[in-house]
Amino acid sequence: MLQGHQSWVFENKPAILSTAAIVGPDEGAGPLARDFDIVHGDLTLAQDSWEKAEKKLLEEAAEHALKKAGLTQDQIQFYIGGDLMNQIISNSFAARTFAVPYIGIFGACSTSMEGLALAALIVNSGSAQRVMTGTCSHNCTAEKQFRYPTEYGSQKPPTAQYTVTGAGAAIVVPQGDGPVITGATIGKIVDMGIKDPFNMGAAMAPAAVDTITAHFRDFDREPGYYDLIVTGDLAKVGSDIARDLLKKNQIPIEQTQYNDCGLMIYDRQKQMVQAGGSGCGCSAAVTYGHIMKRLKQGDLKRVLVVATGSLHSPLSFQQGESIPCIAHAVAIESGR
């Protein structure tokens, strides 16, 4: 299954049986609103804390993915998930509700594709028949933990990104009619010395390009193999840098359509989201909502999703550490 230096090829082509994407009001005001299963009208979700609201988002995504698959939670053999909160509490507490064998992971905003790659690996190897993976984020929990609480009302520079309030879940099985997972490239840590948590797009872009370059090297492909290559949450600043770095690395990205989930989920001309979206829920909601819909409709045949993550913490930032970044890529095909 090892392909090249850091990729996996899934010869059995595990299928994505179902997905679900749940978002908050700002995401529901964006251009992809119709592609989400639920759009909540407020950020609290009738909970008494932001953190409980984030957990609720994930539980709803899991419930809807199960319902669409015609499964019950006791039929899921493993759940793989993580989020941005300390000790990945949103997923760990949701897993308490699921009562399913649980593999907790932390890839920051790259968690969606890290989880999907691991789910495909487990299913492709025959180690399980039904694996669920999910992740989530909430604007107010992330702001409180990593920057300043929303109530503080601090101004942000144009390079800052707006954490997506959303969750996504997917169920992976050995065979099915849904889109299939054909391969994955596991990223390496890339740290360019950036220390500014208000400029994460610039910090993550080199990691995205490193993983994309490795993917094409390991699979001996060019960008034109895919109908769409989408990065996770580089937003405007990071995606522009990524384009420049791809050109510098002589990767002909112009062969295909390149976009970024952080740009797709919001209308930056009408919404106050600074450079665009970020957060674990960014690539999860866009992939498990919008992109999966297009794959099932046949608008897209082959997609490479490259979720990106900043692996810093409030403590590392306070100690003056730079931001280590990573990106994980998953190749998804329509199966038709």
C-alpha atoms as a PDB file:
ATOM      1  CA  MET A   1       0.000   0.000   0.000  1.00  0.00           C
ATOM      2  CA  LEU A   2       2.962   2.339   0.431  1.00  0.00           C
ATOM      3  CA  GLN A   3       3.325   4.491  -2.666  1.00  0.00           C
ATOM      4  CA  GLY A   4       6.601   6.344  -3.004  1.00  0.00           C
ATOM      5  CA  HIS A   5       7.942   7.980   0.141  1.00  0.00           C
ATOM      6  CA  GLN A   6       4.882   9.199   2.051  1.00  0.00           C
ATOM      7  CA  SER A   7       1.714   8.104   0.294  1.00  0.00           C
ATOM      8  CA  TRP A   8      -0.767   5.254   0.440  1.00  0.00           C
ATOM      9  CA  VAL A   9      -2.612   3.738  -2.492  1.00  0.00           C
ATOM     10  CA  PHE A  10      -5.896   2.070  -1.572  1.00  0.00           C
ATOM     11  CA  GLU A  11      -6.204  -0.740  -4.071  1.00  0.00           C
ATOM     12  CA  ASN A  12      -9.605  -1.819  -2.708  1.00  0.00           C
ATOM     13  CA  LYS A  13     -10.969   1.726  -3.105  1.00  0.00           C
ATOM     14  CA  PRO A  14     -12.948   2.152   0.127  1.00  0.00           C
ATOM     15  CA  ALA A  15     -16.235   3.967  -0.424  1.00  0.00           C
ATOM     16  CA  ILE A  16     -17.603   6.992   1.390  1.00  0.00           C
ATOM     17  CA  LEU A  17     -21.034   5.643   2.248  1.00  0.00           C
ATOM     18  CA  SER A  18     -22.394   8.910   3.594  1.00  0.00           C
ATOM     19  CA  THR A  19     -21.369  12.330   4.828  1.00  0.00           C
ATOM     20  CA  ALA A  20     -22.976  15.166   6.746  1.00  0.00           C
ATOM     21  CA  ALA A  21     -22.091  18.830   7.233  1.00  0.00           C
ATOM     22  CA  ILE A  22     -23.601  21.071   9.916  1.00  0.00           C
ATOM     23  CA  VAL A  23     -22.787  24.791  10.101  1.00  0.00           C
ATOM     24  CA  GLY A  24     -23.560  28.020  11.920  1.00  0.00           C
ATOM     25  CA  PRO A  25     -25.252  31.237  10.767  1.00  0.00           C
ATOM     26  CA  ASP A  26     -22.262  32.900   9.086  1.00  0.00           C
ATOM     27  CA  GLU A  27     -21.548  29.805   7.002  1.00  0.00           C
ATOM     28  CA  GLY A  28     -25.242  29.624   6.181  1.00  0.00           C
ATOM     29  CA  ALA A  29     -25.022  33.161   4.802  1.00  0.00           C
ATOM     30  CA  GLY A  30     -22.241  32.116   2.423  1.00  0.00           C
ATOM     31  CA  PRO A  31     -22.401  30.781  -1.151  1.00  0.00           C
ATOM     32  CA  LEU A  32     -22.462  27.075  -0.167  1.00  0.00           C
ATOM     33  CA  ALA A  33     -25.476  27.268   2.171  1.00  0.00           C
ATOM     34  CA  ARG A  34     -27.598  24.837   0.141  1.00  0.00           C
ATOM     35  CA  ASP A  35     -24.946  22.120   0.371  1.00  0.00           C
ATOM     36  CA  PHE A  36     -25.094  21.770   4.160  1.00  0.00           C
ATOM     37  CA  ASP A  37     -27.433  19.401   5.988  1.00  0.00           C
ATOM     38  CA  ILE A  38     -28.305  21.876   8.741  1.00  0.00           C
ATOM     39  CA  VAL A  39     -27.694  25.611   9.060  1.00  0.00           C
ATOM     40  CA  HIS A  40     -28.134  26.833  12.628  1.00  0.00           C
ATOM     41  CA  GLY A  41     -29.549  30.295  13.118  1.00  0.00           C
ATOM     42  CA  ASP A  42     -27.453  31.130  16.161  1.00  0.00           C
ATOM     43  CA  LEU A  43     -24.069  30.231  17.601  1.00  0.00           C
ATOM     44  CA  THR A  44     -25.307  28.798  20.900  1.00  0.00           C
ATOM     45  CA  LEU A  45     -27.312  25.811  19.579  1.00  0.00           C
ATOM     46  CA  ALA A  46     -29.383  26.191  22.781  1.00  0.00           C
ATOM     47  CA  GLN A  47     -26.329  25.218  24.844  1.00  0.00           C
ATOM     48  CA  ASP A  48     -24.949  27.128  27.833  1.00  0.00           C
ATOM     49  CA  SER A  49     -21.355  27.402  26.565  1.00  0.00           C
ATOM     50  CA  TRP A  50     -19.557  27.749  23.248  1.00  0.00           C
ATOM     51  CA  GLU A  51     -17.708  24.488  23.895  1.00  0.00           C
ATOM     52  CA  LYS A  52     -20.932  22.565  24.424  1.00  0.00           C
ATOM     53  CA  ALA A  53     -22.286  24.104  21.232  1.00  0.00           C
ATOM     54  CA  GLU A  54     -19.251  22.832  19.323  1.00  0.00           C
ATOM     55  CA  LYS A  55     -19.736  19.328  20.703  1.00  0.00           C
ATOM     56  CA  LYS A  56     -23.389  19.504  19.663  1.00  0.00           C
ATOM     57  CA  LEU A  57     -22.379  20.366  16.095  1.00  0.00           C
ATOM     58  CA  LEU A  58     -20.290  17.209  15.892  1.00  0.00           C
ATOM     59  CA  GLU A  59     -22.967  15.011  17.444  1.00  0.00           C
ATOM     60  CA  GLU A  60     -25.486  16.284  14.897  1.00  0.00           C
ATOM     61  CA  ALA A  61     -23.080  15.647  12.001  1.00  0.00           C
ATOM     62  CA  ALA A  62     -22.556  12.080  13.201  1.00  0.00           C
ATOM     63  CA  GLU A  63     -26.290  11.508  13.657  1.00  0.00           C
ATOM     64  CA  HIS A  64     -27.070  12.738  10.153  1.00  0.00           C
ATOM     65  CA  ALA A  65     -24.279  10.696   8.559  1.00  0.00           C
ATOM     66  CA  LEU A  66     -25.628   7.581  10.293  1.00  0.00           C
ATOM     67  CA  LYS A  67     -29.204   8.340   9.240  1.00  0.00           C
ATOM     68  CA  LYS A  68     -28.206   8.870   5.607  1.00  0.00           C
ATOM     69  CA  ALA A  69     -26.241   5.591   5.656  1.00  0.00           C
ATOM     70  CA  GLY A  70     -29.136   3.676   7.215  1.00  0.00           C
ATOM     71  CA  LEU A  71     -26.939   2.628  10.132  1.00  0.00           C
ATOM     72  CA  THR A  72     -27.088   2.841  13.904  1.00  0.00           C
ATOM     73  CA  GLN A  73     -24.144   3.895  16.034  1.00  0.00           C
ATOM     74  CA  ASP A  74     -23.578   0.360  17.345  1.00  0.00           C
ATOM     75  CA  GLN A  75     -22.833  -0.715  13.761  1.00  0.00           C
ATOM     76  CA  ILE A  76     -19.844   1.639  13.604  1.00  0.00           C
ATOM     77  CA  GLN A  77     -16.711  -0.238  14.614  1.00  0.00           C
ATOM     78  CA  PHE A  78     -14.335   2.711  15.075  1.00  0.00           C
ATOM     79  CA  TYR A  79     -14.687   6.453  15.323  1.00  0.00           C
ATOM     80  CA  ILE A  80     -11.698   8.685  14.421  1.00  0.00           C
ATOM     81  CA  GLY A  81     -11.847  12.359  15.299  1.00  0.00           C
ATOM     82  CA  GLY A  82     -10.204  15.459  16.649  1.00  0.00           C
ATOM     83  CA  ASP A  83     -10.601  19.221  16.898  1.00  0.00           C
ATOM     84  CA  LEU A  84      -8.849  22.433  17.980  1.00  0.00           C
ATOM     85  CA  MET A  85      -9.751  22.445  21.651  1.00  0.00           C
ATOM     86  CA  ASN A  86      -7.250  21.498  24.349  1.00  0.00           C
ATOM     87  CA  GLN A  87      -7.271  17.720  24.820  1.00  0.00           C
ATOM     88  CA  ILE A  88      -9.618  17.540  21.775  1.00  0.00           C
ATOM     89  CA  ILE A  89     -12.525  17.757  24.222  1.00  0.00           C
ATOM     90  CA  SER A  90     -15.214  18.306  21.591  1.00  0.00           C
ATOM     91  CA  ASN A  91     -14.493  14.925  20.039  1.00  0.00           C
ATOM     92  CA  SER A  92     -13.671  13.105  23.258  1.00  0.00           C
ATOM     93  CA  PHE A  93     -16.901  14.229  24.899  1.00  0.00           C
ATOM     94  CA  ALA A  94     -18.903  13.470  21.749  1.00  0.00           C
ATOM     95  CA  ALA A  95     -17.277  10.026  21.611  1.00  0.00           C
ATOM     96  CA  ARG A  96     -18.610   9.506  25.123  1.00  0.00           C
ATOM     97  CA  THR A  97     -22.069   9.936  23.603  1.00  0.00           C
ATOM     98  CA  PHE A  98     -21.310   7.726  20.595  1.00  0.00           C
ATOM     99  CA  ALA A  99     -20.109   4.804  22.773  1.00  0.00           C
ATOM    100  CA  VAL A 100     -17.985   3.588  19.857  1.00  0.00           C
ATOM    101  CA  PRO A 101     -14.292   2.516  19.976  1.00  0.00           C
ATOM    102  CA  TYR A 102     -12.515   5.840  19.631  1.00  0.00           C
ATOM    103  CA  ILE A 103      -9.229   6.963  18.073  1.00  0.00           C
ATOM    104  CA  GLY A 104      -8.547  10.589  19.005  1.00  0.00           C
ATOM    105  CA  ILE A 105      -6.239  12.555  16.705  1.00  0.00           C
ATOM    106  CA  PHE A 106      -4.916  16.100  16.553  1.00  0.00           C
ATOM    107  CA  GLY A 107      -3.976  17.664  13.248  1.00  0.00           C
ATOM    108  CA  ALA A 108      -5.434  21.104  13.941  1.00  0.00           C
ATOM    109  CA  CYS A 109      -7.261  22.223  10.780  1.00  0.00           C
ATOM    110  CA  SER A 110      -5.821  19.277   8.811  1.00  0.00           C
ATOM    111  CA  THR A 111      -7.789  16.848  11.001  1.00  0.00           C
ATOM    112  CA  SER A 112     -10.565  16.223   8.459  1.00  0.00           C
ATOM    113  CA  MET A 113      -8.272  14.624   5.889  1.00  0.00           C
ATOM    114  CA  GLU A 114      -6.016  13.037   8.500  1.00  0.00           C
ATOM    115  CA  GLY A 115      -9.078  11.251   9.834  1.00  0.00           C
ATOM    116  CA  LEU A 116     -10.374  10.313   6.381  1.00  0.00           C
ATOM    117  CA  ALA A 117      -6.974   8.920   5.357  1.00  0.00           C
ATOM    118  CA  LEU A 118      -6.770   6.792   8.510  1.00  0.00           C
ATOM    119  CA  ALA A 119     -10.354   5.579   8.071  1.00  0.00           C
ATOM    120  CA  ALA A 120      -9.565   4.502   4.508  1.00  0.00           C
ATOM    121  CA  LEU A 121      -6.372   2.784   5.681  1.00  0.00           C
ATOM    122  CA  ILE A 122      -8.229   0.785   8.321  1.00  0.00           C
ATOM    123  CA  VAL A 123     -11.034  -0.250   5.972  1.00  0.00           C
ATOM    124  CA  ASN A 124      -8.742  -0.994   3.017  1.00  0.00           C
ATOM    125  CA  SER A 125      -6.633  -3.323   5.190  1.00  0.00           C
ATOM    126  CA  GLY A 126      -9.696  -5.265   6.308  1.00  0.00           C
ATOM    127  CA  SER A 127      -9.296  -4.165   9.931  1.00  0.00           C
ATOM    128  CA  ALA A 128     -12.880  -2.858  10.001  1.00  0.00           C
ATOM    129  CA  GLN A 129     -15.983  -2.751   7.840  1.00  0.00           C
ATOM    130  CA  ARG A 130     -17.507   0.556   8.972  1.00  0.00           C
ATOM    131  CA  VAL A 131     -15.457   3.488  10.248  1.00  0.00           C
ATOM    132  CA  MET A 132     -16.725   6.971  10.999  1.00  0.00           C
ATOM    133  CA  THR A 133     -14.499  10.040  11.031  1.00  0.00           C
ATOM    134  CA  GLY A 134     -15.405  13.565  12.036  1.00  0.00           C
ATOM    135  CA  THR A 135     -14.202  16.946  13.174  1.00  0.00           C
ATOM    136  CA  CYS A 136     -15.562  20.318  14.199  1.00  0.00           C
ATOM    137  CA  SER A 137     -14.754  23.898  15.152  1.00  0.00           C
ATOM    138  CA  HIS A 138     -16.581  26.902  16.553  1.00  0.00           C
ATOM    139  CA  ASN A 139     -15.643  30.515  15.988  1.00  0.00           C
ATOM    140  CA  CYS A 140     -16.092  31.544  19.596  1.00  0.00           C
ATOM    141  CA  THR A 141     -14.247  28.601  21.169  1.00  0.00           C
ATOM    142  CA  ALA A 142     -11.248  29.031  18.869  1.00  0.00           C
ATOM    143  CA  GLU A 143     -11.076  32.779  19.383  1.00  0.00           C
ATOM    144  CA  LYS A 144     -11.215  32.358  23.157  1.00  0.00           C
ATOM    145  CA  GLN A 145      -8.496  29.703  23.226  1.00  0.00           C
ATOM    146  CA  PHE A 146      -6.057  30.943  20.591  1.00  0.00           C
ATOM    147  CA  ARG A 147      -6.574  34.705  20.359  1.00  0.00           C
ATOM    148  CA  TYR A 148      -8.975  36.957  22.290  1.00  0.00           C
ATOM    149  CA  PRO A 149     -12.514  36.116  23.480  1.00  0.00           C
ATOM    150  CA  THR A 150     -15.203  37.364  21.102  1.00  0.00           C
ATOM    151  CA  GLU A 151     -16.645  39.550  23.861  1.00  0.00           C
ATOM    152  CA  TYR A 152     -13.343  41.439  24.009  1.00  0.00           C
ATOM    153  CA  GLY A 153     -14.055  42.904  20.573  1.00  0.00           C
ATOM    154  CA  SER A 154     -10.414  43.141  19.481  1.00  0.00           C
ATOM    155  CA  GLN A 155      -9.662  44.260  15.953  1.00  0.00           C
ATOM    156  CA  LYS A 156      -7.919  41.860  13.620  1.00  0.00           C
ATOM    157  CA  PRO A 157      -5.511  42.528  10.764  1.00  0.00           C
ATOM    158  CA  PRO A 158      -6.477  41.704   7.147  1.00  0.00           C
ATOM    159  CA  THR A 159      -4.257  38.584   7.253  1.00  0.00           C
ATOM    160  CA  ALA A 160      -6.361  37.041  10.046  1.00  0.00           C
ATOM    161  CA  GLN A 161      -8.865  34.299   9.304  1.00  0.00           C
ATOM    162  CA  TYR A 162     -12.376  33.630  10.550  1.00  0.00           C
ATOM    163  CA  THR A 163     -12.812  30.285  12.274  1.00  0.00           C
ATOM    164  CA  VAL A 164     -15.671  28.302  10.757  1.00  0.00           C
ATOM    165  CA  THR A 165     -18.507  27.229  13.034  1.00  0.00           C
ATOM    166  CA  GLY A 166     -19.221  23.816  11.602  1.00  0.00           C
ATOM    167  CA  ALA A 167     -18.744  20.073  11.738  1.00  0.00           C
ATOM    168  CA  GLY A 168     -18.424  17.280   9.227  1.00  0.00           C
ATOM    169  CA  ALA A 169     -18.623  13.503   9.460  1.00  0.00           C
ATOM    170  CA  ALA A 170     -18.098  10.667   6.979  1.00  0.00           C
ATOM    171  CA  ILE A 171     -18.647   6.924   7.091  1.00  0.00           C
ATOM    172  CA  VAL A 172     -16.157   4.768   5.183  1.00  0.00           C
ATOM    173  CA  VAL A 173     -16.912   1.184   4.117  1.00  0.00           C
ATOM    174  CA  PRO A 174     -15.136  -1.391   1.900  1.00  0.00           C
ATOM    175  CA  GLN A 175     -17.526  -1.033  -1.038  1.00  0.00           C
ATOM    176  CA  GLY A 176     -20.458   1.135  -2.034  1.00  0.00           C
ATOM    177  CA  ASP A 177     -22.049   3.388  -4.619  1.00  0.00           C
ATOM    178  CA  GLY A 178     -20.605   6.563  -3.167  1.00  0.00           C
ATOM    179  CA  PRO A 179     -17.354   8.270  -4.086  1.00  0.00           C
ATOM    180  CA  VAL A 180     -14.256   6.199  -3.368  1.00  0.00           C
ATOM    181  CA  ILE A 181     -10.939   6.999  -1.718  1.00  0.00           C
ATOM    182  CA  THR A 182      -8.071   6.001  -3.977  1.00  0.00           C
ATOM    183  CA  GLY A 183      -5.032   7.358  -2.183  1.00  0.00           C
ATOM    184  CA  ALA A 184      -3.588   9.670   0.437  1.00  0.00           C
ATOM    185  CA  THR A 185      -0.380  11.560   1.080  1.00  0.00           C
ATOM    186  CA  ILE A 186       0.647  12.129   4.689  1.00  0.00           C
ATOM    187  CA  GLY A 187       2.373  15.453   5.198  1.00  0.00           C
ATOM    188  CA  LYS A 188       5.567  16.414   6.964  1.00  0.00           C
ATOM    189  CA  ILE A 189       6.009  19.253   9.443  1.00  0.00           C
ATOM    190  CA  VAL A 190       7.032  22.456   7.689  1.00  0.00           C
ATOM    191  CA  ASP A 191       8.008  25.466   9.811  1.00  0.00           C
ATOM    192  CA  MET A 192       9.086  28.665   8.068  1.00  0.00           C
ATOM    193  CA  GLY A 193       9.614  30.572  11.305  1.00  0.00           C
ATOM    194  CA  ILE A 194       6.328  32.503  11.277  1.00  0.00           C
ATOM    195  CA  LYS A 195       5.132  33.351  14.795  1.00  0.00           C
ATOM    196  CA  ASP A 196       2.043  35.450  14.082  1.00  0.00           C
ATOM    197  CA  PRO A 197      -1.233  33.583  14.868  1.00  0.00           C
ATOM    198  CA  PHE A 198      -3.029  36.248  12.851  1.00  0.00           C
ATOM    199  CA  ASN A 199      -1.224  35.141   9.696  1.00  0.00           C
ATOM    200  CA  MET A 200      -1.774  31.394   9.623  1.00  0.00           C
ATOM    201  CA  GLY A 201      -2.403  31.280   5.878  1.00  0.00           C
ATOM    202  CA  ALA A 202       1.207  32.325   5.263  1.00  0.00           C
ATOM    203  CA  ALA A 203       2.414  29.817   7.854  1.00  0.00           C
ATOM    204  CA  MET A 204       0.475  26.874   6.364  1.00  0.00           C
ATOM    205  CA  ALA A 205       0.957  27.516   2.640  1.00  0.00           C
ATOM    206  CA  PRO A 206       4.471  25.960   2.447  1.00  0.00           C
ATOM    207  CA  ALA A 207       3.187  22.793   4.136  1.00  0.00           C
ATOM    208  CA  ALA A 208       0.336  22.543   1.612  1.00  0.00           C
ATOM    209  CA  VAL A 209       2.737  22.916  -1.297  1.00  0.00           C
ATOM    210  CA  ASP A 210       5.150  20.380   0.207  1.00  0.00           C
ATOM    211  CA  THR A 211       2.386  17.768   0.455  1.00  0.00           C
ATOM    212  CA  ILE A 212       1.007  18.520  -3.016  1.00  0.00           C
ATOM    213  CA  THR A 213       4.502  18.199  -4.478  1.00  0.00           C
ATOM    214  CA  ALA A 214       5.035  14.906  -2.641  1.00  0.00           C
ATOM    215  CA  HIS A 215       1.671  13.593  -3.864  1.00  0.00           C
ATOM    216  CA  PHE A 216       2.494  14.185  -7.514  1.00  0.00           C
ATOM    217  CA  ARG A 217       5.979  12.722  -7.044  1.00  0.00           C
ATOM    218  CA  ASP A 218       4.756   9.585  -5.264  1.00  0.00           C
ATOM    219  CA  PHE A 219       1.904   8.903  -7.704  1.00  0.00           C
ATOM    220  CA  ASP A 220       3.780  10.104 -10.792  1.00  0.00           C
ATOM    221  CA  ARG A 221       0.920  12.433 -11.699  1.00  0.00           C
ATOM    222  CA  GLU A 222       0.393  15.991 -12.805  1.00  0.00           C
ATOM    223  CA  PRO A 223      -2.322  18.388 -11.571  1.00  0.00           C
ATOM    224  CA  GLY A 224      -4.415  17.750 -14.694  1.00  0.00           C
ATOM    225  CA  TYR A 225      -5.250  14.283 -13.357  1.00  0.00           C
ATOM    226  CA  TYR A 226      -7.721  15.996 -11.008  1.00  0.00           C
ATOM    227  CA  ASP A 227     -10.766  18.092 -11.854  1.00  0.00           C
ATOM    228  CA  LEU A 228     -10.240  20.064  -8.656  1.00  0.00           C
ATOM    229  CA  ILE A 229      -7.436  20.517  -6.160  1.00  0.00           C
ATOM    230  CA  VAL A 230      -8.598  22.245  -3.007  1.00  0.00           C
ATOM    231  CA  THR A 231      -6.563  23.262   0.011  1.00  0.00           C
ATOM    232  CA  GLY A 232      -8.084  23.375   3.456  1.00  0.00           C
ATOM    233  CA  ASP A 233      -7.998  26.807   4.961  1.00  0.00           C
ATOM    234  CA  LEU A 234      -5.247  28.938   3.511  1.00  0.00           C
ATOM    235  CA  ALA A 235      -7.780  31.645   2.627  1.00  0.00           C
ATOM    236  CA  LYS A 236      -6.741  34.621   0.482  1.00  0.00           C
ATOM    237  CA  VAL A 237      -3.250  35.239   1.833  1.00  0.00           C
ATOM    238  CA  GLY A 238      -2.199  31.595   2.026  1.00  0.00           C
ATOM    239  CA  SER A 239      -3.693  30.480  -1.273  1.00  0.00           C
ATOM    240  CA  ASP A 240      -1.926  33.293  -3.115  1.00  0.00           C
ATOM    241  CA  ILE A 241       1.349  32.239  -1.527  1.00  0.00           C
ATOM    242  CA  ALA A 242       0.635  28.606  -2.401  1.00  0.00           C
ATOM    243  CA  ARG A 243       0.133  29.507  -6.059  1.00  0.00           C
ATOM    244  CA  ASP A 244       3.471  31.301  -6.099  1.00  0.00           C
ATOM    245  CA  LEU A 245       5.247  28.383  -4.405  1.00  0.00           C
ATOM    246  CA  LEU A 246       3.672  25.833  -6.757  1.00  0.00           C
ATOM    247  CA  LYS A 247       4.927  27.869  -9.693  1.00  0.00           C
ATOM    248  CA  LYS A 248       8.373  28.087  -8.102  1.00  0.00           C
ATOM    249  CA  ASN A 249       8.347  24.278  -7.636  1.00  0.00           C
ATOM    250  CA  GLN A 250       7.376  23.911 -11.314  1.00  0.00           C
ATOM    251  CA  ILE A 251       4.025  22.320 -10.468  1.00  0.00           C
ATOM    252  CA  PRO A 252       1.704  23.268 -13.382  1.00  0.00           C
ATOM    253  CA  ILE A 253      -1.343  23.971 -11.229  1.00  0.00           C
ATOM    254  CA  GLU A 254      -2.941  25.790 -14.169  1.00  0.00           C
ATOM    255  CA  GLN A 255      -3.736  22.339 -15.618  1.00  0.00           C
ATOM    256  CA  THR A 256      -6.672  22.089 -13.221  1.00  0.00           C
ATOM    257  CA  GLN A 257      -8.961  24.166 -11.057  1.00  0.00           C
ATOM    258  CA  TYR A 258      -7.370  25.165  -7.772  1.00  0.00           C
ATOM    259  CA  ASN A 259      -9.410  26.604  -4.912  1.00  0.00           C
ATOM    260  CA  ASP A 260      -9.374  26.857  -1.136  1.00  0.00           C
ATOM    261  CA  CYS A 261     -12.114  25.886   1.322  1.00  0.00           C
ATOM    262  CA  GLY A 262     -11.484  29.063   3.296  1.00  0.00           C
ATOM    263  CA  LEU A 263     -12.384  31.095   0.214  1.00  0.00           C
ATOM    264  CA  MET A 264     -15.286  28.923  -0.897  1.00  0.00           C
ATOM    265  CA  ILE A 265     -17.306  28.901   2.326  1.00  0.00           C
ATOM    266  CA  TYR A 266     -17.723  32.693   2.675  1.00  0.00           C
ATOM    267  CA  ASP A 267     -18.437  35.663   0.431  1.00  0.00           C
ATOM    268  CA  ARG A 268     -15.518  37.921   1.357  1.00  0.00           C
ATOM    269  CA  GLN A 269     -17.094  40.854  -0.480  1.00  0.00           C
ATOM    270  CA  LYS A 270     -20.159  40.821   1.760  1.00  0.00           C
ATOM    271  CA  GLN A 271     -19.064  39.068   4.961  1.00  0.00           C
ATOM    272  CA  MET A 272     -16.576  40.374   7.524  1.00  0.00           C
ATOM    273  CA  VAL A 273     -14.285  37.333   7.557  1.00  0.00           C
ATOM    274  CA  GLN A 274     -10.904  39.003   7.003  1.00  0.00           C
ATOM    275  CA  ALA A 275      -8.792  36.791   4.693  1.00  0.00           C
ATOM    276  CA  GLY A 276     -11.352  33.953   4.722  1.00  0.00           C
ATOM    277  CA  GLY A 277     -12.206  30.819   6.655  1.00  0.00           C
ATOM    278  CA  SER A 278     -10.165  28.476   8.835  1.00  0.00           C
ATOM    279  CA  GLY A 279     -10.744  25.883  11.536  1.00  0.00           C
ATOM    280  CA  CYS A 280     -11.283  22.121  11.538  1.00  0.00           C
ATOM    281  CA  GLY A 281     -14.834  22.646  10.358  1.00  0.00           C
ATOM    282  CA  CYS A 282     -13.714  24.560   7.277  1.00  0.00           C
ATOM    283  CA  SER A 283     -12.411  21.753   5.051  1.00  0.00           C
ATOM    284  CA  ALA A 284     -14.760  19.256   6.743  1.00  0.00           C
ATOM    285  CA  ALA A 285     -17.932  21.196   5.931  1.00  0.00           C
ATOM    286  CA  VAL A 286     -16.862  22.124   2.393  1.00  0.00           C
ATOM    287  CA  THR A 287     -15.656  18.600   1.552  1.00  0.00           C
ATOM    288  CA  TYR A 288     -18.458  16.628   3.196  1.00  0.00           C
ATOM    289  CA  GLY A 289     -21.098  19.059   1.977  1.00  0.00           C
ATOM    290  CA  HIS A 290     -20.281  20.869  -1.255  1.00  0.00           C
ATOM    291  CA  ILE A 291     -17.571  18.674  -2.812  1.00  0.00           C
ATOM    292  CA  MET A 292     -19.291  15.385  -2.041  1.00  0.00           C
ATOM    293  CA  LYS A 293     -22.477  16.721  -3.622  1.00  0.00           C
ATOM    294  CA  ARG A 294     -20.611  17.598  -6.810  1.00  0.00           C
ATOM    295  CA  LEU A 295     -18.907  14.192  -6.909  1.00  0.00           C
ATOM    296  CA  LYS A 296     -22.233  12.393  -6.551  1.00  0.00           C
ATOM    297  CA  GLN A 297     -23.826  14.558  -9.243  1.00  0.00           C
ATOM    298  CA  GLY A 298     -20.955  13.823 -11.626  1.00  0.00           C
ATOM    299  CA  ASP A 299     -19.818  17.460 -11.857  1.00  0.00           C
ATOM    300  CA  LEU A 300     -16.457  16.293 -10.557  1.00  0.00           C
ATOM    301  CA  LYS A 301     -14.740  12.969 -11.229  1.00  0.00           C
ATOM    302  CA  ARG A 302     -11.458  13.301  -9.346  1.00  0.00           C
ATOM    303  CA  VAL A 303     -10.652  15.629  -6.458  1.00  0.00           C
ATOM    304  CA  LEU A 304      -7.572  16.092  -4.292  1.00  0.00           C
ATOM    305  CA  VAL A 305      -8.396  17.606  -0.900  1.00  0.00           C
ATOM    306  CA  VAL A 306      -5.352  18.970   0.942  1.00  0.00           C
ATOM    307  CA  ALA A 307      -6.343  19.981   4.474  1.00  0.00           C
ATOM    308  CA  THR A 308      -3.836  22.216   6.261  1.00  0.00           C
ATOM    309  CA  GLY A 309      -3.131  22.712   9.947  1.00  0.00           C
ATOM    310  CA  SER A 310      -1.182  25.012  12.276  1.00  0.00           C
ATOM    311  CA  LEU A 311       0.109  22.874  15.132  1.00  0.00           C
ATOM    312  CA  HIS A 312       0.766  25.633  17.644  1.00  0.00           C
ATOM    313  CA  SER A 313      -0.864  26.089  21.029  1.00  0.00           C
ATOM    314  CA  PRO A 314      -1.513  29.086  23.270  1.00  0.00           C
ATOM    315  CA  LEU A 315       1.416  27.952  25.414  1.00  0.00           C
ATOM    316  CA  SER A 316       3.864  27.618  22.510  1.00  0.00           C
ATOM    317  CA  PHE A 317       2.831  31.058  21.237  1.00  0.00           C
ATOM    318  CA  GLN A 318       3.347  32.626  24.660  1.00  0.00           C
ATOM    319  CA  GLN A 319       6.813  31.067  24.801  1.00  0.00           C
ATOM    320  CA  GLY A 320       7.745  32.676  21.496  1.00  0.00           C
ATOM    321  CA  GLU A 321       7.793  29.488  19.431  1.00  0.00           C
ATOM    322  CA  SER A 322       7.201  29.572  15.682  1.00  0.00           C
ATOM    323  CA  ILE A 323       4.222  27.780  14.130  1.00  0.00           C
ATOM    324  CA  PRO A 324       4.850  24.223  12.851  1.00  0.00           C
ATOM    325  CA  CYS A 325       2.425  23.345  10.062  1.00  0.00           C
ATOM    326  CA  ILE A 326       1.267  20.249   8.235  1.00  0.00           C
ATOM    327  CA  ALA A 327      -1.024  19.218   5.366  1.00  0.00           C
ATOM    328  CA  HIS A 328      -2.620  15.874   4.533  1.00  0.00           C
ATOM    329  CA  ALA A 329      -4.004  15.071   1.070  1.00  0.00           C
ATOM    330  CA  VAL A 330      -6.737  12.576   0.176  1.00  0.00           C
ATOM    331  CA  ALA A 331      -7.657  11.609  -3.395  1.00  0.00           C
ATOM    332  CA  ILE A 332     -11.396  11.075  -3.858  1.00  0.00           C
ATOM    333  CA  GLU A 333     -12.980   9.848  -7.106  1.00  0.00           C
ATOM    334  CA  SER A 334     -16.613   9.609  -8.121  1.00  0.00           C
ATOM    335  CA  GLY A 335     -16.400   5.841  -8.590  1.00  0.00           C
ATOM    336  CA  ARG A 336     -18.370   6.025 -11.825  1.00  0.00           C
END
